[in-house]
Amino acid sequence: MRKLILLIAFLAVASLNAQGNGDYVNMTFVKTTPGEDYGAILNEKWKELAQMRADEGTITGWDVWWRPGSTDSSDWNMLIVTIAKDLDSLNANAGVLKMRPDYTEMDVEIFSEKNIKSRTIVWDQTLVNKGLNFAGNDGETPVAPQVAVMNLMKVGYANAYEYEKAENSLNSGDLGSRLGWGLLKRLDAAGEDVYYDYMTIDFYENWKTMMSTREATSKLPKGLQSILNLRTHQQSVPLWLAIQVRPKE
C-alpha cells in the first residue's frame, strides 16, 4: 500500500510539473540591417531596460537569441523573447524614457531613428506556456541554457486538447540529453492559413549535444508515434543564446 501511495504521488507531481507555468511569451522576430550595430543597442540600451522591468516585477525574463546559419536572404536572424506572468505586462513600463529619463525630445528622436534603422521587425507573436520541464523548477521562469531548438507545429482546433496532453505526457519524465523542454500555444493568430499554432522548445547545454541528438537515426518511441497523428512538424530552428535577463535576487 505504501508503495502504491508513493507511486501515485510521484505520478501526480510529474503531471503537475509538465502542465506549464502559464507564462505569457512575446516573440519578436528581427532582421538586422547589415552595417548597423543592433547588437550594441541591445546590450547598451534594451538590456538595461529589460533588467529594470524584471527587477520591478513587470516581466520575469528577457532573452535575445541568434539564429546560426542565417544569411542575408533569411527572413530573420534574431529572436527577442519577453516573458511575463500577466499578458498586459509584456509591453508595460517600457520605452526609451524609462531607461533614460534625462533624455530630451531630440535625444529620443535620434535614438529611435538609429534603432529603427538597425533592424526590421518581421513578426511579433504572442504565446502562452502550456508545458514545462526543467530540473528543479517549481513553476518560475527558468534560466535558459546556451542552445535551444524551436519546433513549429501545426495542430488545429480538433486536435489541440489531445496534443497538449500527449506532449506533456511524453516530456514529463527524464529528458535525456536535453536540459529542459517547453510547450507554447500561439495566441495572436489561428486558423488554417496560419503556419504554426504550437511550438515546442528543446534546451541543450551546448551545440555539440544538440547536434548529436540529430545524428543518430533510431526507431520512434510509441509516445512520439501517437503525437505524429495529432500535428504536422513544420520546421525546427536551432538558436544560440546571446543575452539573458532574469530578476536579480
C-alpha atoms as a PDB file:
ATOM      1  CA  MET A   1       0.000   0.000   0.000  1.00  0.00           C
ATOM      2  CA  ARG A   2       2.819   2.412   0.895  1.00  0.00           C
ATOM      3  CA  LYS A   3       4.498   1.761  -2.462  1.00  0.00           C
ATOM      4  CA  LEU A   4       1.195   2.392  -4.242  1.00  0.00           C
ATOM      5  CA  ILE A   5       0.740   5.722  -2.448  1.00  0.00           C
ATOM      6  CA  LEU A   6       4.285   6.783  -3.314  1.00  0.00           C
ATOM      7  CA  LEU A   7       3.725   5.843  -6.954  1.00  0.00           C
ATOM      8  CA  ILE A   8       0.508   7.860  -7.121  1.00  0.00           C
ATOM      9  CA  ALA A   9       2.260  10.838  -5.518  1.00  0.00           C
ATOM     10  CA  PHE A  10       5.125  10.602  -7.986  1.00  0.00           C
ATOM     11  CA  LEU A  11       2.782  10.494 -10.978  1.00  0.00           C
ATOM     12  CA  ALA A  12       0.814  13.438  -9.622  1.00  0.00           C
ATOM     13  CA  VAL A  13       3.958  15.542  -9.230  1.00  0.00           C
ATOM     14  CA  ALA A  14       5.213  14.556 -12.681  1.00  0.00           C
ATOM     15  CA  SER A  15       1.865  15.534 -14.200  1.00  0.00           C
ATOM     16  CA  LEU A  16       1.901  18.861 -12.359  1.00  0.00           C
ATOM     17  CA  ASN A  17       5.435  19.704 -13.456  1.00  0.00           C
ATOM     18  CA  ALA A  18       4.554  19.065 -17.097  1.00  0.00           C
ATOM     19  CA  GLN A  19       1.442  21.230 -17.289  1.00  0.00           C
ATOM     20  CA  GLY A  20       3.225  24.533 -17.767  1.00  0.00           C
ATOM     21  CA  ASN A  21       3.500  27.626 -15.612  1.00  0.00           C
ATOM     22  CA  GLY A  22       1.131  29.933 -17.504  1.00  0.00           C
ATOM     23  CA  ASP A  23       3.863  32.371 -18.542  1.00  0.00           C
ATOM     24  CA  TYR A  24       2.962  34.678 -21.417  1.00  0.00           C
ATOM     25  CA  VAL A  25       5.652  34.990 -24.052  1.00  0.00           C
ATOM     26  CA  ASN A  26       6.174  37.654 -26.689  1.00  0.00           C
ATOM     27  CA  MET A  27       8.457  36.683 -29.565  1.00  0.00           C
ATOM     28  CA  THR A  28       9.825  39.372 -31.837  1.00  0.00           C
ATOM     29  CA  PHE A  29      11.492  38.006 -34.967  1.00  0.00           C
ATOM     30  CA  VAL A  30      14.069  40.507 -36.199  1.00  0.00           C
ATOM     31  CA  LYS A  31      16.117  41.015 -39.343  1.00  0.00           C
ATOM     32  CA  THR A  32      19.194  43.079 -38.519  1.00  0.00           C
ATOM     33  CA  THR A  33      20.474  45.653 -41.007  1.00  0.00           C
ATOM     34  CA  PRO A  34      23.964  44.923 -42.423  1.00  0.00           C
ATOM     35  CA  GLY A  35      26.438  47.623 -41.434  1.00  0.00           C
ATOM     36  CA  GLU A  36      24.369  48.726 -38.420  1.00  0.00           C
ATOM     37  CA  ASP A  37      25.239  47.544 -34.913  1.00  0.00           C
ATOM     38  CA  TYR A  38      21.914  46.441 -33.479  1.00  0.00           C
ATOM     39  CA  GLY A  39      23.772  44.140 -31.091  1.00  0.00           C
ATOM     40  CA  ALA A  40      25.345  47.138 -29.374  1.00  0.00           C
ATOM     41  CA  ILE A  41      21.940  48.815 -28.996  1.00  0.00           C
ATOM     42  CA  LEU A  42      20.558  45.667 -27.395  1.00  0.00           C
ATOM     43  CA  ASN A  43      23.476  45.341 -24.985  1.00  0.00           C
ATOM     44  CA  GLU A  44      23.843  49.022 -24.101  1.00  0.00           C
ATOM     45  CA  LYS A  45      20.211  50.123 -24.017  1.00  0.00           C
ATOM     46  CA  TRP A  46      17.457  47.492 -24.237  1.00  0.00           C
ATOM     47  CA  LYS A  47      19.180  45.043 -21.904  1.00  0.00           C
ATOM     48  CA  GLU A  48      19.301  47.743 -19.244  1.00  0.00           C
ATOM     49  CA  LEU A  49      15.606  48.474 -19.684  1.00  0.00           C
ATOM     50  CA  ALA A  50      14.751  44.760 -19.513  1.00  0.00           C
ATOM     51  CA  GLN A  51      16.698  44.414 -16.259  1.00  0.00           C
ATOM     52  CA  MET A  52      14.793  47.341 -14.763  1.00  0.00           C
ATOM     53  CA  ARG A  53      11.452  45.814 -15.767  1.00  0.00           C
ATOM     54  CA  ALA A  54      12.474  42.404 -14.407  1.00  0.00           C
ATOM     55  CA  ASP A  55      13.696  43.785 -11.072  1.00  0.00           C
ATOM     56  CA  GLU A  56      10.466  45.700 -10.509  1.00  0.00           C
ATOM     57  CA  GLY A  57       8.375  42.613 -11.327  1.00  0.00           C
ATOM     58  CA  THR A  58       6.851  43.714 -14.621  1.00  0.00           C
ATOM     59  CA  ILE A  59       8.449  40.859 -16.577  1.00  0.00           C
ATOM     60  CA  THR A  60      10.082  37.624 -15.468  1.00  0.00           C
ATOM     61  CA  GLY A  61      12.563  37.257 -18.297  1.00  0.00           C
ATOM     62  CA  TRP A  62      14.038  38.744 -21.465  1.00  0.00           C
ATOM     63  CA  ASP A  63      16.267  36.835 -23.875  1.00  0.00           C
ATOM     64  CA  VAL A  64      17.965  37.532 -27.181  1.00  0.00           C
ATOM     65  CA  TRP A  65      18.708  34.543 -29.411  1.00  0.00           C
ATOM     66  CA  TRP A  66      20.830  34.456 -32.567  1.00  0.00           C
ATOM     67  CA  ARG A  67      19.845  32.199 -35.428  1.00  0.00           C
ATOM     68  CA  PRO A  68      23.022  30.353 -36.528  1.00  0.00           C
ATOM     69  CA  GLY A  69      23.313  29.715 -40.236  1.00  0.00           C
ATOM     70  CA  SER A  70      21.132  32.655 -41.217  1.00  0.00           C
ATOM     71  CA  THR A  71      22.179  34.657 -44.271  1.00  0.00           C
ATOM     72  CA  ASP A  72      21.246  37.929 -45.946  1.00  0.00           C
ATOM     73  CA  SER A  73      18.420  36.087 -47.699  1.00  0.00           C
ATOM     74  CA  SER A  74      16.953  34.683 -44.432  1.00  0.00           C
ATOM     75  CA  ASP A  75      13.618  36.102 -43.277  1.00  0.00           C
ATOM     76  CA  TRP A  76      15.045  36.761 -39.799  1.00  0.00           C
ATOM     77  CA  ASN A  77      18.277  36.237 -37.907  1.00  0.00           C
ATOM     78  CA  MET A  78      17.465  37.232 -34.327  1.00  0.00           C
ATOM     79  CA  LEU A  79      14.709  36.417 -31.847  1.00  0.00           C
ATOM     80  CA  ILE A  80      13.842  38.646 -28.870  1.00  0.00           C
ATOM     81  CA  VAL A  81      11.783  36.914 -26.181  1.00  0.00           C
ATOM     82  CA  THR A  82       9.908  38.731 -23.397  1.00  0.00           C
ATOM     83  CA  ILE A  83       8.281  36.673 -20.616  1.00  0.00           C
ATOM     84  CA  ALA A  84       5.684  37.805 -18.064  1.00  0.00           C
ATOM     85  CA  LYS A  85       3.104  36.379 -15.673  1.00  0.00           C
ATOM     86  CA  ASP A  86       0.420  38.763 -16.930  1.00  0.00           C
ATOM     87  CA  LEU A  87      -0.455  39.384 -20.564  1.00  0.00           C
ATOM     88  CA  ASP A  88      -0.658  43.163 -20.120  1.00  0.00           C
ATOM     89  CA  SER A  89       2.822  43.217 -18.567  1.00  0.00           C
ATOM     90  CA  LEU A  90       4.559  42.185 -21.781  1.00  0.00           C
ATOM     91  CA  ASN A  91       4.582  45.766 -23.062  1.00  0.00           C
ATOM     92  CA  ALA A  92       4.173  47.660 -19.778  1.00  0.00           C
ATOM     93  CA  ASN A  93       6.738  50.037 -18.262  1.00  0.00           C
ATOM     94  CA  ALA A  94       8.753  50.155 -21.457  1.00  0.00           C
ATOM     95  CA  GLY A  95      10.136  52.906 -23.679  1.00  0.00           C
ATOM     96  CA  VAL A  96      13.273  54.990 -24.049  1.00  0.00           C
ATOM     97  CA  LEU A  97      12.438  57.429 -21.247  1.00  0.00           C
ATOM     98  CA  LYS A  98      12.045  54.550 -18.798  1.00  0.00           C
ATOM     99  CA  MET A  99      15.762  53.818 -19.022  1.00  0.00           C
ATOM    100  CA  ARG A 100      16.920  57.345 -19.904  1.00  0.00           C
ATOM    101  CA  PRO A 101      14.625  59.785 -18.040  1.00  0.00           C
ATOM    102  CA  ASP A 102      17.068  62.639 -18.713  1.00  0.00           C
ATOM    103  CA  TYR A 103      16.731  62.337 -22.486  1.00  0.00           C
ATOM    104  CA  THR A 104      15.378  65.351 -24.338  1.00  0.00           C
ATOM    105  CA  GLU A 105      12.844  65.014 -27.152  1.00  0.00           C
ATOM    106  CA  MET A 106      15.747  65.332 -29.589  1.00  0.00           C
ATOM    107  CA  ASP A 107      17.680  62.565 -27.814  1.00  0.00           C
ATOM    108  CA  VAL A 108      14.664  60.263 -28.013  1.00  0.00           C
ATOM    109  CA  GLU A 109      14.178  61.041 -31.707  1.00  0.00           C
ATOM    110  CA  ILE A 110      17.839  60.395 -32.545  1.00  0.00           C
ATOM    111  CA  PHE A 111      17.923  57.125 -30.650  1.00  0.00           C
ATOM    112  CA  SER A 112      14.615  55.950 -32.118  1.00  0.00           C
ATOM    113  CA  GLU A 113      15.810  56.643 -35.655  1.00  0.00           C
ATOM    114  CA  LYS A 114      19.050  54.751 -35.011  1.00  0.00           C
ATOM    115  CA  ASN A 115      17.143  51.813 -33.507  1.00  0.00           C
ATOM    116  CA  ILE A 116      14.678  51.610 -36.408  1.00  0.00           C
ATOM    117  CA  LYS A 117      17.478  51.866 -38.962  1.00  0.00           C
ATOM    118  CA  SER A 118      19.412  48.998 -37.394  1.00  0.00           C
ATOM    119  CA  ARG A 119      16.701  46.336 -37.697  1.00  0.00           C
ATOM    120  CA  THR A 120      13.368  45.319 -39.199  1.00  0.00           C
ATOM    121  CA  ILE A 121      10.681  43.615 -37.150  1.00  0.00           C
ATOM    122  CA  VAL A 122       9.493  40.718 -39.319  1.00  0.00           C
ATOM    123  CA  TRP A 123       6.909  39.149 -36.985  1.00  0.00           C
ATOM    124  CA  ASP A 124       5.674  39.890 -33.487  1.00  0.00           C
ATOM    125  CA  GLN A 125       3.827  36.986 -31.893  1.00  0.00           C
ATOM    126  CA  THR A 126       2.263  36.161 -28.505  1.00  0.00           C
ATOM    127  CA  LEU A 127       2.150  32.716 -26.918  1.00  0.00           C
ATOM    128  CA  VAL A 128       1.317  31.103 -23.566  1.00  0.00           C
ATOM    129  CA  ASN A 129       3.191  28.328 -21.791  1.00  0.00           C
ATOM    130  CA  LYS A 130       1.302  25.017 -21.784  1.00  0.00           C
ATOM    131  CA  GLY A 131       4.077  22.662 -20.717  1.00  0.00           C
ATOM    132  CA  LEU A 132       7.374  22.966 -18.856  1.00  0.00           C
ATOM    133  CA  ASN A 133      10.012  20.533 -17.642  1.00  0.00           C
ATOM    134  CA  PHE A 134      13.242  21.857 -16.120  1.00  0.00           C
ATOM    135  CA  ALA A 135      15.119  20.082 -13.345  1.00  0.00           C
ATOM    136  CA  GLY A 136      14.441  21.745 -10.005  1.00  0.00           C
ATOM    137  CA  ASN A 137      11.909  24.155 -11.458  1.00  0.00           C
ATOM    138  CA  ASP A 138       8.845  24.952  -9.329  1.00  0.00           C
ATOM    139  CA  GLY A 139       6.929  26.963 -11.924  1.00  0.00           C
ATOM    140  CA  GLU A 140       9.115  30.044 -12.173  1.00  0.00           C
ATOM    141  CA  THR A 141      10.548  31.310 -15.448  1.00  0.00           C
ATOM    142  CA  PRO A 142      13.597  29.059 -15.926  1.00  0.00           C
ATOM    143  CA  VAL A 143      17.130  30.209 -16.691  1.00  0.00           C
ATOM    144  CA  ALA A 144      17.790  29.118 -20.256  1.00  0.00           C
ATOM    145  CA  PRO A 145      20.973  27.244 -21.217  1.00  0.00           C
ATOM    146  CA  GLN A 146      23.128  28.162 -24.215  1.00  0.00           C
ATOM    147  CA  VAL A 147      21.292  26.358 -27.021  1.00  0.00           C
ATOM    148  CA  ALA A 148      17.618  25.890 -27.885  1.00  0.00           C
ATOM    149  CA  VAL A 149      15.708  24.308 -30.759  1.00  0.00           C
ATOM    150  CA  MET A 150      12.382  25.858 -31.652  1.00  0.00           C
ATOM    151  CA  ASN A 151       9.961  23.341 -33.214  1.00  0.00           C
ATOM    152  CA  LEU A 152       6.999  24.878 -35.032  1.00  0.00           C
ATOM    153  CA  MET A 153       3.896  22.691 -35.054  1.00  0.00           C
ATOM    154  CA  LYS A 154       0.568  22.891 -36.894  1.00  0.00           C
ATOM    155  CA  VAL A 155      -2.166  21.249 -34.816  1.00  0.00           C
ATOM    156  CA  GLY A 156      -5.568  22.843 -35.436  1.00  0.00           C
ATOM    157  CA  TYR A 157      -8.647  23.106 -33.224  1.00  0.00           C
ATOM    158  CA  ALA A 158      -9.768  19.475 -33.374  1.00  0.00           C
ATOM    159  CA  ASN A 159      -6.544  18.002 -32.005  1.00  0.00           C
ATOM    160  CA  ALA A 160      -5.426  20.798 -29.656  1.00  0.00           C
ATOM    161  CA  TYR A 161      -6.540  19.273 -26.347  1.00  0.00           C
ATOM    162  CA  GLU A 162      -5.201  15.793 -27.089  1.00  0.00           C
ATOM    163  CA  TYR A 163      -1.990  17.245 -28.483  1.00  0.00           C
ATOM    164  CA  GLU A 164      -1.233  19.243 -25.329  1.00  0.00           C
ATOM    165  CA  LYS A 165      -1.992  16.191 -23.216  1.00  0.00           C
ATOM    166  CA  ALA A 166       0.234  13.931 -25.332  1.00  0.00           C
ATOM    167  CA  GLU A 167       3.186  16.358 -25.419  1.00  0.00           C
ATOM    168  CA  ASN A 168       3.094  16.834 -21.646  1.00  0.00           C
ATOM    169  CA  SER A 169       2.868  13.094 -21.066  1.00  0.00           C
ATOM    170  CA  LEU A 170       5.798  12.379 -23.375  1.00  0.00           C
ATOM    171  CA  ASN A 171       8.031  15.075 -21.858  1.00  0.00           C
ATOM    172  CA  SER A 172       7.114  14.845 -18.168  1.00  0.00           C
ATOM    173  CA  GLY A 173       9.931  12.498 -17.168  1.00  0.00           C
ATOM    174  CA  ASP A 174      13.621  12.189 -17.956  1.00  0.00           C
ATOM    175  CA  LEU A 175      14.610  14.385 -20.899  1.00  0.00           C
ATOM    176  CA  GLY A 176      17.811  12.555 -21.776  1.00  0.00           C
ATOM    177  CA  SER A 177      20.389  14.928 -23.270  1.00  0.00           C
ATOM    178  CA  ARG A 178      18.004  17.887 -23.047  1.00  0.00           C
ATOM    179  CA  LEU A 179      18.296  20.244 -20.081  1.00  0.00           C
ATOM    180  CA  GLY A 180      14.745  21.497 -20.458  1.00  0.00           C
ATOM    181  CA  TRP A 181      11.585  21.412 -22.522  1.00  0.00           C
ATOM    182  CA  GLY A 182       8.645  23.736 -23.058  1.00  0.00           C
ATOM    183  CA  LEU A 183       5.330  23.793 -24.916  1.00  0.00           C
ATOM    184  CA  LEU A 184       3.851  27.076 -26.120  1.00  0.00           C
ATOM    185  CA  LYS A 185       0.431  27.761 -27.633  1.00  0.00           C
ATOM    186  CA  ARG A 186       0.115  30.664 -30.043  1.00  0.00           C
ATOM    187  CA  LEU A 187      -2.463  33.303 -29.114  1.00  0.00           C
ATOM    188  CA  ASP A 188      -2.102  36.122 -31.648  1.00  0.00           C
ATOM    189  CA  ALA A 189      -3.276  34.176 -34.700  1.00  0.00           C
ATOM    190  CA  ALA A 190      -5.215  30.997 -35.508  1.00  0.00           C
ATOM    191  CA  GLY A 191      -6.833  29.291 -38.485  1.00  0.00           C
ATOM    192  CA  GLU A 192      -5.980  27.147 -41.470  1.00  0.00           C
ATOM    193  CA  ASP A 193      -3.769  29.767 -43.104  1.00  0.00           C
ATOM    194  CA  VAL A 194      -1.559  30.207 -40.014  1.00  0.00           C
ATOM    195  CA  TYR A 195       1.832  28.496 -40.446  1.00  0.00           C
ATOM    196  CA  TYR A 196       2.025  27.199 -36.858  1.00  0.00           C
ATOM    197  CA  ASP A 197      -0.182  27.302 -33.763  1.00  0.00           C
ATOM    198  CA  TYR A 198       2.001  25.452 -31.245  1.00  0.00           C
ATOM    199  CA  MET A 199       5.696  25.422 -30.526  1.00  0.00           C
ATOM    200  CA  THR A 200       7.903  23.099 -28.523  1.00  0.00           C
ATOM    201  CA  ILE A 201      11.341  24.184 -27.385  1.00  0.00           C
ATOM    202  CA  ASP A 202      14.174  21.818 -26.510  1.00  0.00           C
ATOM    203  CA  PHE A 203      17.054  23.224 -24.452  1.00  0.00           C
ATOM    204  CA  TYR A 204      20.628  21.923 -24.540  1.00  0.00           C
ATOM    205  CA  GLU A 205      23.875  22.630 -22.717  1.00  0.00           C
ATOM    206  CA  ASN A 206      25.847  23.231 -25.897  1.00  0.00           C
ATOM    207  CA  TRP A 207      25.802  23.000 -29.677  1.00  0.00           C
ATOM    208  CA  LYS A 208      27.555  19.619 -29.807  1.00  0.00           C
ATOM    209  CA  THR A 209      24.951  17.967 -27.597  1.00  0.00           C
ATOM    210  CA  MET A 210      22.136  19.363 -29.702  1.00  0.00           C
ATOM    211  CA  MET A 211      23.701  18.184 -32.961  1.00  0.00           C
ATOM    212  CA  SER A 212      24.412  14.704 -31.577  1.00  0.00           C
ATOM    213  CA  THR A 213      20.677  14.174 -30.995  1.00  0.00           C
ATOM    214  CA  ARG A 214      20.127  14.677 -34.718  1.00  0.00           C
ATOM    215  CA  GLU A 215      22.983  12.428 -35.777  1.00  0.00           C
ATOM    216  CA  ALA A 216      21.536   9.155 -34.530  1.00  0.00           C
ATOM    217  CA  THR A 217      18.718   7.526 -36.507  1.00  0.00           C
ATOM    218  CA  SER A 218      16.580   5.372 -34.264  1.00  0.00           C
ATOM    219  CA  LYS A 219      13.109   3.892 -34.065  1.00  0.00           C
ATOM    220  CA  LEU A 220      10.488   6.320 -32.782  1.00  0.00           C
ATOM    221  CA  PRO A 221       9.075   5.584 -29.313  1.00  0.00           C
ATOM    222  CA  LYS A 222       5.362   4.776 -29.133  1.00  0.00           C
ATOM    223  CA  GLY A 223       4.586   8.034 -27.346  1.00  0.00           C
ATOM    224  CA  LEU A 224       6.061  10.084 -30.188  1.00  0.00           C
ATOM    225  CA  GLN A 225       4.328   7.974 -32.827  1.00  0.00           C
ATOM    226  CA  SER A 226       0.945   8.873 -31.311  1.00  0.00           C
ATOM    227  CA  ILE A 227       1.806  12.587 -31.432  1.00  0.00           C
ATOM    228  CA  LEU A 228       2.635  12.386 -35.138  1.00  0.00           C
ATOM    229  CA  ASN A 229      -1.048  11.823 -35.860  1.00  0.00           C
ATOM    230  CA  LEU A 230      -2.019  14.986 -33.983  1.00  0.00           C
ATOM    231  CA  ARG A 231       0.261  17.581 -35.552  1.00  0.00           C
ATOM    232  CA  THR A 232       2.456  18.494 -38.502  1.00  0.00           C
ATOM    233  CA  HIS A 233       6.045  19.377 -37.660  1.00  0.00           C
ATOM    234  CA  GLN A 234       6.578  22.427 -39.860  1.00  0.00           C
ATOM    235  CA  GLN A 235      10.142  23.402 -39.010  1.00  0.00           C
ATOM    236  CA  SER A 236      12.956  23.143 -36.445  1.00  0.00           C
ATOM    237  CA  VAL A 237      15.164  26.184 -35.853  1.00  0.00           C
ATOM    238  CA  PRO A 238      18.324  25.987 -33.690  1.00  0.00           C
ATOM    239  CA  LEU A 239      19.082  29.105 -31.616  1.00  0.00           C
ATOM    240  CA  TRP A 240      22.124  30.422 -29.735  1.00  0.00           C
ATOM    241  CA  LEU A 241      21.626  32.484 -26.570  1.00  0.00           C
ATOM    242  CA  ALA A 242      23.222  35.933 -26.838  1.00  0.00           C
ATOM    243  CA  ILE A 243      21.681  37.905 -23.936  1.00  0.00           C
ATOM    244  CA  GLN A 244      19.657  36.771 -20.932  1.00  0.00           C
ATOM    245  CA  VAL A 245      17.915  38.831 -18.245  1.00  0.00           C
ATOM    246  CA  ARG A 246      16.252  37.497 -15.111  1.00  0.00           C
ATOM    247  CA  PRO A 247      15.227  39.338 -11.912  1.00  0.00           C
ATOM    248  CA  LYS A 248      18.186  39.920  -9.603  1.00  0.00           C
ATOM    249  CA  GLU A 249      17.943  38.210  -6.233  1.00  0.00           C
END
